[in-house]
Structures are given as structure tokens and as C-alpha cells.
Amino acid sequence: MEKFSNKTIIDEEIIIESNNCIFLGPNLKLVDCVVINKQTARNVLFLDAEMTGGTFYTKKQLKNWQERSISFNNVTFKGNFLGCDLGGRSDQDENEHHGLVKNCDFSNANMHLCRFFNADISSIKFAKWPFFTIINPSKVVTQIDNLNFPTELTWLINPSNHPDETTALLYNAELIAKETGVDIEVIKGLVSQIDGIIM
């Protein structure tokens, strides 16, 4: 098995398909690489790593993938991500390397119930409707409360349920409509009123 630590890998395709847990890091730098993931979230873990340029494409849905110690810079993401966290959290990180997300392109990624921490939002491309992104959610809690969301939506779209340092919350409105039974146009009308929404 190839060892993915204490090295720099440039312009290579890396396919993660072993049935064993794969650790990428520590001290790993991926530059202009294409990472193709065929693993579940529990079996692909970045530890103190950096990925600059290139593409991260997951062919298997990554569910509850928590990546706090890798910095993604100028990376294009593809595939399905559900309940994932990207970027470092000062309240949970014991390690000095706090993950960062900047200059990345998520416009072709299906991201739902995902959170970004330590992210440079102005440099990031997000997917358009039916996807939507709530920016700096702690600042719009009162506004969302005043919009009188249907009860079915309140537990899903409630920034107060997340840490104050959450930079962005990402949702798929089609999945919300399917799960809650609320018409997607009603969802669109409500979320479009949130300050700083990206959709």
C-alpha cells in the first residue's frame, strides 16, 4: 500500500479504493492532483495535510465526513456530500494545523446539511439553486426566526443549532422538499429573504 505521509505529490491521480482505512498525512501536500474516492467517510481521513489545485471527486457518497486538519486551496469538488464538515474549528482542534477552505469550486458538488469552518467565503464558488448556502449563519438567526418557517423546516434550517464560528451552511432544497413535504417553491421564497444567501 502506498504511504501518503511526509511527502509532496504533484500532478498525479490518486484513487482511494482499498477496503482498509486510508490516512492521507501527516505532512502531506497534494499539488494539482486528482483524488478519486471510492471509500466511505470512515475510511478516508486527512491528517495535517494540504491540497492545492486539482480535483477531489468522490464516487461514493461521503456521509458525516469531518475534515478539520486539511487545507483545501483552489480545489474543485465533485460528488455527493451529506452532513460533512470542512475547515478547522478552534474549539475542537488540538493540533496546530487548522483546516482552511479557500478559492475552491463546489458548483458541481451535491452538498446537503454540510458546514464550513475557517472558510474564505468570498473566494469560493457555490452551487446554484436548488442548492443554497447560508453565509455567517450566527448573524441571521433572528432574521430566520422572524420569517416564520414552517415547523417542518425549522429543525433543518436553524443556524442556532451550529457553533458560532460556522462560516457557511449548505443545503439541497430538493432533498429538503422531499424529506419535509414542503413545496420547493415555498422553500425558495423563504430562504431567498435571508441576508447574504447564495442560491
C-alpha atoms as a PDB file:
ATOM      1  CA  MET A   1       0.000   0.000   0.000  1.00  0.00           C
ATOM      2  CA  GLU A   2       1.315   3.439  -0.892  1.00  0.00           C
ATOM      3  CA  LYS A   3       2.242   5.626   2.041  1.00  0.00           C
ATOM      4  CA  PHE A   4       0.631   9.068   1.963  1.00  0.00           C
ATOM      5  CA  SER A   5       2.665  10.943   4.568  1.00  0.00           C
ATOM      6  CA  ASN A   6       5.692  13.211   4.830  1.00  0.00           C
ATOM      7  CA  LYS A   7       5.806  13.904   1.117  1.00  0.00           C
ATOM      8  CA  THR A   8       4.668  16.186  -1.682  1.00  0.00           C
ATOM      9  CA  ILE A   9       2.789  14.649  -4.610  1.00  0.00           C
ATOM     10  CA  ILE A  10       2.462  16.719  -7.780  1.00  0.00           C
ATOM     11  CA  ASP A  11       0.122  16.264 -10.749  1.00  0.00           C
ATOM     12  CA  GLU A  12      -0.880  12.667 -10.074  1.00  0.00           C
ATOM     13  CA  GLU A  13      -4.154  10.749  -9.987  1.00  0.00           C
ATOM     14  CA  ILE A  14      -4.766   9.143  -6.622  1.00  0.00           C
ATOM     15  CA  ILE A  15      -7.522   6.540  -6.426  1.00  0.00           C
ATOM     16  CA  ILE A  16      -8.691   5.620  -2.945  1.00  0.00           C
ATOM     17  CA  GLU A  17     -10.307   2.223  -3.256  1.00  0.00           C
ATOM     18  CA  SER A  18      -8.775  -0.047  -0.623  1.00  0.00           C
ATOM     19  CA  ASN A  19     -11.130  -1.736   1.813  1.00  0.00           C
ATOM     20  CA  ASN A  20      -8.821  -0.606   4.585  1.00  0.00           C
ATOM     21  CA  CYS A  21      -8.778   2.797   6.259  1.00  0.00           C
ATOM     22  CA  ILE A  22      -6.610   5.245   4.303  1.00  0.00           C
ATOM     23  CA  PHE A  23      -4.785   8.046   6.114  1.00  0.00           C
ATOM     24  CA  LEU A  24      -3.605  10.938   3.956  1.00  0.00           C
ATOM     25  CA  GLY A  25      -0.987  12.606   6.103  1.00  0.00           C
ATOM     26  CA  PRO A  26       0.547  13.769   8.281  1.00  0.00           C
ATOM     27  CA  ASN A  27       2.698  16.299   6.473  1.00  0.00           C
ATOM     28  CA  LEU A  28       1.172  15.537   3.073  1.00  0.00           C
ATOM     29  CA  LYS A  29       0.977  18.080   0.258  1.00  0.00           C
ATOM     30  CA  LEU A  30      -1.062  17.331  -2.859  1.00  0.00           C
ATOM     31  CA  VAL A  31      -0.434  19.781  -5.693  1.00  0.00           C
ATOM     32  CA  ASP A  32      -2.623  19.751  -8.832  1.00  0.00           C
ATOM     33  CA  CYS A  33      -3.670  16.167  -8.140  1.00  0.00           C
ATOM     34  CA  VAL A  34      -6.920  14.377  -8.941  1.00  0.00           C
ATOM     35  CA  VAL A  35      -8.161  12.437  -5.935  1.00  0.00           C
ATOM     36  CA  ILE A  36     -10.869   9.897  -6.772  1.00  0.00           C
ATOM     37  CA  ASN A  37     -12.515   8.481  -3.689  1.00  0.00           C
ATOM     38  CA  LYS A  38     -14.384   5.163  -3.674  1.00  0.00           C
ATOM     39  CA  GLN A  39     -14.402   4.815   0.101  1.00  0.00           C
ATOM     40  CA  THR A  40     -16.893   5.621   2.845  1.00  0.00           C
ATOM     41  CA  ALA A  41     -16.225   8.596   5.101  1.00  0.00           C
ATOM     42  CA  ARG A  42     -14.949   6.469   7.964  1.00  0.00           C
ATOM     43  CA  ASN A  43     -12.209   5.010   5.770  1.00  0.00           C
ATOM     44  CA  VAL A  44     -10.693   8.133   4.203  1.00  0.00           C
ATOM     45  CA  LEU A  45      -9.067  10.561   6.618  1.00  0.00           C
ATOM     46  CA  PHE A  46      -6.796  13.539   6.054  1.00  0.00           C
ATOM     47  CA  LEU A  47      -4.367  14.310   8.881  1.00  0.00           C
ATOM     48  CA  ASP A  48      -2.383  17.546   8.804  1.00  0.00           C
ATOM     49  CA  ALA A  49      -2.471  17.814   5.018  1.00  0.00           C
ATOM     50  CA  GLU A  50      -2.767  20.391   2.236  1.00  0.00           C
ATOM     51  CA  MET A  51      -4.401  20.047  -1.164  1.00  0.00           C
ATOM     52  CA  THR A  52      -3.688  22.842  -3.628  1.00  0.00           C
ATOM     53  CA  GLY A  53      -5.240  22.814  -7.082  1.00  0.00           C
ATOM     54  CA  GLY A  54      -6.705  19.729  -8.690  1.00  0.00           C
ATOM     55  CA  THR A  55      -9.970  17.911  -8.071  1.00  0.00           C
ATOM     56  CA  PHE A  56     -11.462  15.915  -5.239  1.00  0.00           C
ATOM     57  CA  TYR A  57     -14.115  13.608  -6.723  1.00  0.00           C
ATOM     58  CA  THR A  58     -15.983  11.186  -4.520  1.00  0.00           C
ATOM     59  CA  LYS A  59     -17.763   8.412  -6.382  1.00  0.00           C
ATOM     60  CA  LYS A  60     -19.283   7.144  -3.142  1.00  0.00           C
ATOM     61  CA  GLN A  61     -21.373   9.493  -1.028  1.00  0.00           C
ATOM     62  CA  LEU A  62     -19.350  10.877   1.858  1.00  0.00           C
ATOM     63  CA  LYS A  63     -21.627  10.999   4.898  1.00  0.00           C
ATOM     64  CA  ASN A  64     -20.668  12.822   8.105  1.00  0.00           C
ATOM     65  CA  TRP A  65     -17.119  13.303   6.811  1.00  0.00           C
ATOM     66  CA  GLN A  66     -15.276  15.511   9.299  1.00  0.00           C
ATOM     67  CA  GLU A  67     -12.156  17.065   7.803  1.00  0.00           C
ATOM     68  CA  ARG A  68     -10.718  19.690  10.135  1.00  0.00           C
ATOM     69  CA  SER A  69      -6.962  19.319   9.643  1.00  0.00           C
ATOM     70  CA  ILE A  70      -6.637  19.675   5.871  1.00  0.00           C
ATOM     71  CA  SER A  71      -6.416  22.928   3.941  1.00  0.00           C
ATOM     72  CA  PHE A  72      -8.135  22.959   0.557  1.00  0.00           C
ATOM     73  CA  ASN A  73      -6.986  25.754  -1.757  1.00  0.00           C
ATOM     74  CA  ASN A  74      -8.165  26.095  -5.374  1.00  0.00           C
ATOM     75  CA  VAL A  75      -9.689  22.597  -5.377  1.00  0.00           C
ATOM     76  CA  THR A  76     -12.740  21.559  -7.433  1.00  0.00           C
ATOM     77  CA  PHE A  77     -15.146  19.237  -5.620  1.00  0.00           C
ATOM     78  CA  LYS A  78     -17.456  16.729  -7.279  1.00  0.00           C
ATOM     79  CA  GLY A  79     -19.788  14.050  -5.947  1.00  0.00           C
ATOM     80  CA  ASN A  80     -22.246  13.729  -3.075  1.00  0.00           C
ATOM     81  CA  PHE A  81     -21.563  15.030   0.423  1.00  0.00           C
ATOM     82  CA  LEU A  82     -24.076  14.656   3.261  1.00  0.00           C
ATOM     83  CA  GLY A  83     -23.627  16.112   6.741  1.00  0.00           C
ATOM     84  CA  CYS A  84     -19.955  16.908   6.178  1.00  0.00           C
ATOM     85  CA  ASP A  85     -17.735  19.470   7.930  1.00  0.00           C
ATOM     86  CA  LEU A  86     -14.809  21.136   6.158  1.00  0.00           C
ATOM     87  CA  GLY A  87     -12.374  23.573   7.741  1.00  0.00           C
ATOM     88  CA  GLY A  88     -10.795  23.881  11.158  1.00  0.00           C
ATOM     89  CA  ARG A  89     -12.597  24.516  14.430  1.00  0.00           C
ATOM     90  CA  SER A  90     -10.640  26.165  17.213  1.00  0.00           C
ATOM     91  CA  ASP A  91     -12.951  24.659  19.836  1.00  0.00           C
ATOM     92  CA  GLN A  92     -12.145  21.091  18.762  1.00  0.00           C
ATOM     93  CA  ASP A  93      -8.695  21.133  17.205  1.00  0.00           C
ATOM     94  CA  GLU A  94      -5.872  20.055  19.464  1.00  0.00           C
ATOM     95  CA  ASN A  95      -3.421  20.114  16.579  1.00  0.00           C
ATOM     96  CA  GLU A  96      -1.793  23.329  15.406  1.00  0.00           C
ATOM     97  CA  HIS A  97      -2.851  22.734  11.807  1.00  0.00           C
ATOM     98  CA  HIS A  98      -6.353  24.131  11.433  1.00  0.00           C
ATOM     99  CA  GLY A  99      -8.025  23.258   8.162  1.00  0.00           C
ATOM    100  CA  LEU A 100      -8.922  26.011   5.719  1.00  0.00           C
ATOM    101  CA  VAL A 101     -11.192  26.238   2.680  1.00  0.00           C
ATOM    102  CA  LYS A 102     -10.470  28.936   0.087  1.00  0.00           C
ATOM    103  CA  ASN A 103     -10.585  29.536  -3.675  1.00  0.00           C
ATOM    104  CA  CYS A 104     -12.484  26.255  -4.073  1.00  0.00           C
ATOM    105  CA  ASP A 105     -15.238  25.343  -6.527  1.00  0.00           C
ATOM    106  CA  PHE A 106     -18.258  23.485  -5.144  1.00  0.00           C
ATOM    107  CA  SER A 107     -20.551  24.388  -8.054  1.00  0.00           C
ATOM    108  CA  ASN A 108     -20.694  20.756  -9.249  1.00  0.00           C
ATOM    109  CA  ALA A 109     -20.873  19.134  -5.820  1.00  0.00           C
ATOM    110  CA  ASN A 110     -24.105  17.906  -4.247  1.00  0.00           C
ATOM    111  CA  MET A 111     -23.747  19.170  -0.691  1.00  0.00           C
ATOM    112  CA  HIS A 112     -26.541  18.855   1.852  1.00  0.00           C
ATOM    113  CA  LEU A 113     -26.521  19.593   5.596  1.00  0.00           C
ATOM    114  CA  CYS A 114     -22.835  20.478   5.255  1.00  0.00           C
ATOM    115  CA  ARG A 115     -20.907  23.056   7.256  1.00  0.00           C
ATOM    116  CA  PHE A 116     -17.802  25.118   6.564  1.00  0.00           C
ATOM    117  CA  PHE A 117     -15.491  26.463   9.258  1.00  0.00           C
ATOM    118  CA  ASN A 118     -12.498  28.737   8.699  1.00  0.00           C
ATOM    119  CA  ALA A 119     -13.528  29.348   5.093  1.00  0.00           C
ATOM    120  CA  ASP A 120     -12.816  32.341   2.852  1.00  0.00           C
ATOM    121  CA  ILE A 121     -16.374  32.623   1.528  1.00  0.00           C
ATOM    122  CA  SER A 122     -15.713  35.437  -0.947  1.00  0.00           C
ATOM    123  CA  SER A 123     -13.252  33.230  -2.837  1.00  0.00           C
ATOM    124  CA  ILE A 124     -15.480  30.141  -3.055  1.00  0.00           C
ATOM    125  CA  LYS A 125     -17.867  29.107  -5.851  1.00  0.00           C
ATOM    126  CA  PHE A 126     -21.071  27.527  -4.576  1.00  0.00           C
ATOM    127  CA  ALA A 127     -23.720  25.507  -6.397  1.00  0.00           C
ATOM    128  CA  LYS A 128     -26.834  27.381  -7.532  1.00  0.00           C
ATOM    129  CA  TRP A 129     -30.479  26.622  -6.874  1.00  0.00           C
ATOM    130  CA  PRO A 130     -31.854  24.103  -5.914  1.00  0.00           C
ATOM    131  CA  PHE A 131     -28.762  24.296  -3.705  1.00  0.00           C
ATOM    132  CA  PHE A 132     -28.413  27.223  -1.343  1.00  0.00           C
ATOM    133  CA  THR A 133     -25.818  28.429   1.144  1.00  0.00           C
ATOM    134  CA  ILE A 134     -26.386  30.456   4.308  1.00  0.00           C
ATOM    135  CA  ILE A 135     -23.366  32.676   4.958  1.00  0.00           C
ATOM    136  CA  ASN A 136     -22.280  33.586   8.507  1.00  0.00           C
ATOM    137  CA  PRO A 137     -25.365  31.856   9.934  1.00  0.00           C
ATOM    138  CA  SER A 138     -24.943  33.158  13.500  1.00  0.00           C
ATOM    139  CA  LYS A 139     -25.695  36.659  12.165  1.00  0.00           C
ATOM    140  CA  VAL A 140     -29.078  35.731  10.664  1.00  0.00           C
ATOM    141  CA  VAL A 141     -30.624  33.674  13.469  1.00  0.00           C
ATOM    142  CA  THR A 142     -33.084  36.432  14.442  1.00  0.00           C
ATOM    143  CA  GLN A 143     -33.966  37.139  10.831  1.00  0.00           C
ATOM    144  CA  ILE A 144     -34.758  33.479  10.146  1.00  0.00           C
ATOM    145  CA  ASP A 145     -36.870  33.315  13.315  1.00  0.00           C
ATOM    146  CA  ASN A 146     -38.883  36.282  12.032  1.00  0.00           C
ATOM    147  CA  LEU A 147     -39.560  34.609   8.665  1.00  0.00           C
ATOM    148  CA  ASN A 148     -41.868  32.098  10.354  1.00  0.00           C
ATOM    149  CA  PHE A 149     -40.526  28.996   8.664  1.00  0.00           C
ATOM    150  CA  PRO A 150     -42.938  26.043   8.670  1.00  0.00           C
ATOM    151  CA  THR A 151     -42.257  23.770  11.630  1.00  0.00           C
ATOM    152  CA  GLU A 152     -41.023  21.050   9.271  1.00  0.00           C
ATOM    153  CA  LEU A 153     -38.211  23.370   8.121  1.00  0.00           C
ATOM    154  CA  THR A 154     -37.269  24.905  11.446  1.00  0.00           C
ATOM    155  CA  TRP A 155     -35.259  21.957  12.725  1.00  0.00           C
ATOM    156  CA  LEU A 156     -33.348  21.718   9.432  1.00  0.00           C
ATOM    157  CA  ILE A 157     -32.681  25.391   8.744  1.00  0.00           C
ATOM    158  CA  ASN A 158     -31.809  26.690  12.193  1.00  0.00           C
ATOM    159  CA  PRO A 159     -28.413  28.396  12.499  1.00  0.00           C
ATOM    160  CA  SER A 160     -28.642  28.439  16.284  1.00  0.00           C
ATOM    161  CA  ASN A 161     -28.049  24.674  16.223  1.00  0.00           C
ATOM    162  CA  HIS A 162     -24.482  25.216  14.994  1.00  0.00           C
ATOM    163  CA  PRO A 163     -21.281  26.636  16.565  1.00  0.00           C
ATOM    164  CA  ASP A 164     -20.880  30.419  16.371  1.00  0.00           C
ATOM    165  CA  GLU A 165     -17.773  30.081  14.195  1.00  0.00           C
ATOM    166  CA  THR A 166     -19.683  28.257  11.445  1.00  0.00           C
ATOM    167  CA  THR A 167     -18.864  30.152   8.251  1.00  0.00           C
ATOM    168  CA  ALA A 168     -21.496  28.608   5.974  1.00  0.00           C
ATOM    169  CA  LEU A 169     -24.331  26.079   5.916  1.00  0.00           C
ATOM    170  CA  LEU A 170     -25.026  24.256   2.640  1.00  0.00           C
ATOM    171  CA  TYR A 171     -28.341  22.674   1.669  1.00  0.00           C
ATOM    172  CA  ASN A 172     -30.092  20.907  -1.205  1.00  0.00           C
ATOM    173  CA  ALA A 173     -33.666  22.241  -1.443  1.00  0.00           C
ATOM    174  CA  GLU A 174     -34.866  19.228  -3.434  1.00  0.00           C
ATOM    175  CA  LEU A 175     -33.878  16.902  -0.609  1.00  0.00           C
ATOM    176  CA  ILE A 176     -35.471  19.216   1.963  1.00  0.00           C
ATOM    177  CA  ALA A 177     -38.726  19.274  -0.018  1.00  0.00           C
ATOM    178  CA  LYS A 178     -38.710  15.501  -0.304  1.00  0.00           C
ATOM    179  CA  GLU A 179     -37.987  14.997   3.383  1.00  0.00           C
ATOM    180  CA  THR A 180     -40.389  17.595   4.797  1.00  0.00           C
ATOM    181  CA  GLY A 181     -43.190  17.680   2.235  1.00  0.00           C
ATOM    182  CA  VAL A 182     -42.852  21.473   1.943  1.00  0.00           C
ATOM    183  CA  ASP A 183     -43.169  22.666  -1.662  1.00  0.00           C
ATOM    184  CA  ILE A 184     -39.803  23.624  -3.120  1.00  0.00           C
ATOM    185  CA  GLU A 185     -41.132  26.994  -4.305  1.00  0.00           C
ATOM    186  CA  VAL A 186     -42.194  27.803  -0.728  1.00  0.00           C
ATOM    187  CA  ILE A 187     -38.688  26.939   0.430  1.00  0.00           C
ATOM    188  CA  LYS A 188     -37.218  29.151  -2.290  1.00  0.00           C
ATOM    189  CA  GLY A 189     -39.430  32.080  -1.330  1.00  0.00           C
ATOM    190  CA  LEU A 190     -38.420  31.849   2.315  1.00  0.00           C
ATOM    191  CA  VAL A 191     -34.675  31.301   2.010  1.00  0.00           C
ATOM    192  CA  SER A 192     -34.336  33.986  -0.683  1.00  0.00           C
ATOM    193  CA  GLN A 193     -35.146  36.557   2.023  1.00  0.00           C
ATOM    194  CA  ILE A 194     -32.163  35.622   4.175  1.00  0.00           C
ATOM    195  CA  ASP A 195     -29.378  38.207   4.124  1.00  0.00           C
ATOM    196  CA  GLY A 196     -26.279  37.048   2.275  1.00  0.00           C
ATOM    197  CA  ILE A 197     -27.912  33.880   0.948  1.00  0.00           C
ATOM    198  CA  ILE A 198     -26.206  32.285  -2.066  1.00  0.00           C
ATOM    199  CA  MET A 199     -28.564  30.466  -4.389  1.00  0.00           C
END
